[in-house]
Protein backbone atom coordinates (compact mmCIF):
# COMPACT_ATOMS: atom_id res chain seq x y z
CA MET A 1 124.07 95.28 88.39
CA LYS A 2 125.49 97.68 90.91
CA THR A 3 123.19 100.30 92.41
CA THR A 4 124.18 103.94 92.66
CA VAL A 5 122.19 107.02 93.53
CA LEU A 6 122.54 110.51 92.11
CA ILE A 7 123.15 113.05 94.88
CA PHE A 8 123.19 116.26 92.88
CA LEU A 9 121.01 116.94 89.84
CA THR A 10 122.99 119.79 88.28
CA VAL A 11 121.96 120.95 84.83
CA PHE A 12 119.21 119.94 82.45
CA MET A 13 120.93 120.00 79.06
CA VAL A 14 119.27 120.93 75.77
CA VAL A 15 119.27 117.26 74.83
CA PHE A 16 117.71 116.51 78.25
CA ALA A 17 120.73 114.59 79.57
CA ILE A 18 121.24 114.78 83.30
CA LYS A 19 124.74 115.36 84.67
CA ALA A 20 125.29 114.19 88.21
CA SER A 21 127.70 112.69 90.65
CA SER A 22 126.75 109.38 92.25
CA GLN A 23 127.05 107.50 95.49
CA VAL A 24 126.15 103.98 96.64
CA SER A 25 122.72 103.96 98.22
CA SER A 26 122.34 102.84 101.80
CA VAL A 27 119.23 101.13 103.15
CA ASN A 28 118.20 100.79 106.75
CA PRO A 29 117.53 97.06 107.14
CA ASN A 30 115.25 97.55 110.14
CA PRO A 31 113.15 100.66 109.59
CA LYS A 32 110.46 101.65 111.99
CA SER A 33 106.91 101.40 110.74
CA THR A 34 105.74 104.56 109.06
CA SER A 35 103.68 107.12 110.97
CA LEU A 36 101.19 107.06 108.11
CA ILE A 37 99.82 103.78 109.48
CA ASN A 38 96.29 103.87 110.84
CA ASP A 39 93.82 101.38 112.25
CA ALA A 40 92.16 100.92 108.86
CA SER A 41 95.25 99.16 107.47
CA GLN A 42 95.16 95.51 106.52
CA THR A 43 97.13 93.17 108.74
CA ALA A 44 99.26 90.08 108.28
CA GLU A 45 100.33 87.49 110.84
CA VAL A 46 104.02 86.81 111.42
CA TYR A 47 104.93 84.07 113.87
CA ILE A 48 107.83 84.80 116.23
CA SER A 49 109.50 83.09 119.17
CA SER A 50 112.35 84.05 121.48
CA PRO A 51 115.79 82.76 120.45
CA GLY A 52 116.62 79.53 122.25
CA SER A 53 113.11 79.23 123.61
CA SER A 54 111.12 76.01 123.37
CA ALA A 55 107.89 77.95 123.61
CA ALA A 56 105.57 77.77 120.64
CA ALA A 57 105.75 80.68 118.24
CA HIS A 58 103.03 83.26 118.73
CA PRO A 59 101.48 85.54 116.14
CA LEU A 60 102.47 89.20 115.90
CA GLN A 61 99.97 91.34 114.01
CA LEU A 62 101.69 93.48 111.40
CA GLN A 63 99.97 96.00 109.18
CA GLY A 64 100.06 95.64 105.41
CA ILE A 65 100.04 92.86 102.84
CA GLU A 66 103.03 91.10 101.35
CA GLY A 67 104.25 92.59 98.08
CA GLN A 68 107.17 93.85 96.06
CA ILE A 69 108.68 97.30 96.52
CA TYR A 70 108.58 98.43 92.89
CA VAL A 71 106.05 99.89 90.49
CA GLY A 72 107.46 99.04 87.07
CA ALA A 73 109.72 96.20 88.19
CA ALA A 74 110.34 95.24 84.54
CA TRP A 75 111.77 98.72 83.76
CA PRO A 76 109.26 99.97 81.16
CA ARG A 77 110.17 102.93 78.95
CA GLY A 78 108.65 106.12 80.29
CA SER A 79 108.40 109.88 80.03
CA VAL A 80 109.75 112.52 82.41
CA VAL A 81 108.34 116.06 82.19
CA LEU A 82 110.38 118.76 83.90
CA ARG A 83 108.99 121.88 85.53
CA ASP A 84 110.47 124.02 82.75
CA GLY A 85 108.26 122.14 80.28
CA SER A 86 110.98 120.06 78.65
CA ALA A 87 110.58 116.30 78.42
CA ILE A 88 112.74 113.19 78.48
CA ASP A 89 111.43 110.01 76.85
CA THR A 90 114.56 107.86 76.67
CA TYR A 91 114.57 106.36 80.17
CA ASN A 92 113.54 102.96 81.43
CA LEU A 93 111.94 103.74 84.77
CA ARG A 94 110.64 102.22 87.96
CA TYR A 95 109.44 103.61 91.28
CA ASN A 96 111.04 102.17 94.41
CA PHE A 97 108.70 103.05 97.26
CA TRP A 98 110.89 101.37 99.87
CA LEU A 99 113.37 104.20 99.21
CA ASP A 100 110.75 106.62 97.79
CA GLN A 101 112.93 107.02 94.69
CA MET A 102 112.15 107.38 90.99
CA GLN A 103 114.88 105.28 89.41
CA PHE A 104 116.22 104.88 85.88
CA ILE A 105 118.89 102.83 84.11
CA SER A 106 122.11 104.34 82.80
CA GLY A 107 124.43 101.76 81.29
CA GLU A 108 124.78 99.06 83.93
CA ASP A 109 123.87 101.37 86.79
CA THR A 110 120.57 102.03 88.52
CA LEU A 111 120.31 105.75 89.25
CA ALA A 112 117.76 107.88 91.06
CA PHE A 113 116.72 111.48 90.49
CA ALA A 114 118.29 113.35 93.39
CA SER A 115 116.29 116.58 92.94
CA PRO A 116 112.75 115.29 92.44
CA GLN A 117 111.32 118.76 93.01
CA GLU A 118 112.54 119.52 89.47
CA LEU A 119 110.18 116.86 88.09
CA LYS A 120 106.66 117.89 87.14
CA MET A 121 105.44 114.45 86.14
CA VAL A 122 106.78 110.95 85.52
CA SER A 123 104.75 108.43 83.51
CA PHE A 124 105.32 104.79 82.58
CA ASP A 125 103.34 101.60 82.08
CA GLY A 126 99.98 103.31 82.67
CA HIS A 127 101.12 105.01 85.90
CA THR A 128 101.68 108.73 86.46
CA PHE A 129 103.63 110.09 89.42
CA VAL A 130 104.14 113.54 90.90
CA TYR A 131 106.40 114.73 93.71
CA GLY A 132 105.10 117.13 96.31
CA ASN A 133 104.39 118.14 99.88
CA PHE A 134 102.05 116.26 102.18
CA GLN A 135 100.82 116.62 105.73
CA CYS A 136 102.13 113.91 108.05
CA GLU A 137 100.88 114.36 111.59
CA SER A 138 102.29 117.74 112.70
CA SER A 139 104.96 118.08 110.00
CA ILE A 140 105.13 118.71 106.26
CA ARG A 141 107.04 116.11 104.28
CA GLN A 142 107.79 115.47 100.63
CA GLY A 143 107.43 112.35 98.55
CA TYR A 144 106.20 110.68 95.39
CA PHE A 145 102.54 109.94 94.75
CA GLU A 146 100.73 108.12 91.99
CA VAL A 147 97.97 110.24 90.45
CA ILE A 148 94.65 108.38 90.60
CA VAL A 149 92.36 111.30 89.70
CA PRO A 150 93.97 114.30 87.93
CA GLY A 151 92.54 117.80 87.96
CA LYS A 152 92.41 120.80 90.23
CA ASN A 153 92.01 118.56 93.26
CA LYS A 154 94.08 115.42 92.76
CA LEU A 155 93.40 112.06 94.34
CA LEU A 156 96.81 110.59 95.07
CA LEU A 157 98.04 107.18 96.16
CA LYS A 158 101.10 106.66 98.34
CA ARG A 159 102.47 103.15 98.81
CA VAL A 160 104.40 102.58 102.00
CA VAL A 161 106.55 99.72 103.28
CA THR A 162 105.25 99.07 106.78
CA TYR A 163 107.68 96.26 107.64
CA ARG A 164 110.70 94.53 106.19
CA LEU A 165 110.43 90.90 107.17
CA PRO A 166 113.47 88.78 108.03
CA ASP A 167 115.12 87.16 105.02
CA ALA A 168 113.77 83.68 104.33
CA ILE A 169 115.77 80.78 102.93
CA ILE A 170 113.67 78.96 100.34
CA ALA A 171 114.72 75.46 99.26
CA GLY A 172 118.42 76.26 99.50
CA ASP A 173 118.20 79.35 97.29
CA GLU A 174 119.54 82.79 98.11
CA PRO A 175 117.79 84.62 100.96
CA GLU A 176 114.62 86.34 99.84
CA THR A 177 113.59 89.63 101.41
CA LYS A 178 109.87 90.10 101.92
CA TYR A 179 108.01 93.31 102.62
CA LEU A 180 104.59 94.27 103.93
CA ILE A 181 103.01 97.05 101.90
CA ASP A 182 100.16 99.43 102.71
CA GLU A 183 98.39 102.03 100.59
CA TYR A 184 97.19 105.47 101.62
CA TYR A 185 95.09 107.98 99.72
CA PHE A 186 95.63 111.73 99.75
CA ILE A 187 93.82 114.70 98.24
CA SER A 188 95.99 117.52 96.95
CA LYS A 189 94.35 120.94 96.62
CA PRO A 190 96.07 123.79 94.72
CA ASP A 191 99.07 125.27 96.55
CA LYS A 192 98.44 123.18 99.67
CA PRO A 193 100.11 120.06 101.06
CA ALA A 194 98.28 116.84 100.26
CA VAL A 195 96.11 115.55 103.10
CA LYS A 196 95.46 111.90 103.88
CA VAL A 197 91.86 110.75 103.51
CA LEU A 198 90.08 107.57 104.49
CA CYS A 199 87.41 105.86 102.45
CA ASN A 200 84.54 107.41 104.34
CA ARG A 201 82.30 110.42 103.77
CA LYS A 202 83.39 112.42 106.83
CA SER A 203 87.08 112.20 105.98
CA ALA A 204 86.59 113.05 102.30
CA LEU A 205 84.30 116.02 102.98
CA ALA A 206 86.71 117.42 105.55
CA VAL A 207 89.03 118.11 102.60
CA LEU A 208 86.48 118.63 99.81
CA ASN A 209 84.67 121.19 101.93
CA GLY A 210 83.19 123.50 99.28
CA HIS A 211 80.03 123.34 97.16
CA LYS A 212 77.95 122.11 100.09
CA GLU A 213 74.58 122.22 98.33
CA GLU A 214 75.86 120.43 95.25
CA MET A 215 77.63 117.81 97.35
CA ASP A 216 74.49 117.20 99.42
CA ASP A 217 72.55 116.74 96.16
CA TYR A 218 75.21 114.34 94.88
CA PHE A 219 74.80 112.03 97.86
CA ARG A 220 71.01 112.35 97.91
CA ILE A 221 70.48 111.70 94.19
CA THR A 222 73.15 109.04 93.61
CA GLY A 223 72.86 107.32 96.95
CA ASN A 224 76.61 106.85 96.75
CA LYS A 225 78.52 106.04 99.89
CA VAL A 226 82.23 106.54 100.41
CA ARG A 227 83.24 103.04 101.40
CA SER A 228 85.76 102.06 98.75
CA THR A 229 88.46 103.47 96.51
CA ASP A 230 86.00 103.56 93.60
CA ASP A 231 83.61 105.67 95.68
CA LEU A 232 86.44 108.06 96.50
CA ILE A 233 87.39 108.30 92.83
CA LYS A 234 83.80 109.15 91.84
CA LEU A 235 83.53 111.79 94.56
CA VAL A 236 86.79 113.59 93.66
CA THR A 237 85.92 113.45 89.96
CA TYR A 238 82.52 115.03 90.65
CA TYR A 239 84.04 117.70 92.89
CA ASN A 240 86.54 118.62 90.18
CA ALA A 241 83.68 118.98 87.70
CA LEU A 242 82.04 121.49 90.05
CA GLU A 243 85.30 123.45 90.26
CA GLU A 244 85.55 123.63 86.47
CA HIS A 245 82.19 125.39 86.23
CA GLU A 246 82.93 128.11 88.76
């Protein structure tokens, strides 16, 4: 199956078809590691040695764990909701986070939405994605996120390819590309870029910085810590409940 990428999303038709021109996608085979990486990332060992050297290979610590670059690799049927409120439910979808593209099948082609800012929400196989702004060091960037906790303040997950490992030949088969993947959590407040948070109380409360008395009571009464993704989910869910009662 050849891979093409839409470069202009022109008109959303009444029947929700998307007209677009296409172009072959290019991929940088040796990308630099993302600036989202932090010291809390998991690491994997890759053994390297200098070409032509008889020296024993030595381990290089790389961040991330080995995994595939797709959510929805089997192309499940999904739903696309546009910002004008219209919906498309005829696409088989997957998310390619190596390219940060929401892709769909058209005939024998794999296409990608070229104007993701026109998408309000994309859902398939139990996953829901949004496209929006996020703070990355000193700049504002845009990208896809999976929604972990919906609501006024969203807890979002961004998967990132930290390294593309050299192709490996396995038992005479075709070369197999392997990737190291890391996951980062963000909190998106209304009309503000999403901000990365770590699974600790200080980081979470730096973003969820309202309702101080109620939040103090939450930690005192529940005894909950913020040490895991589940703890972060509970905290954002509780904070959203406070916002609903304002």
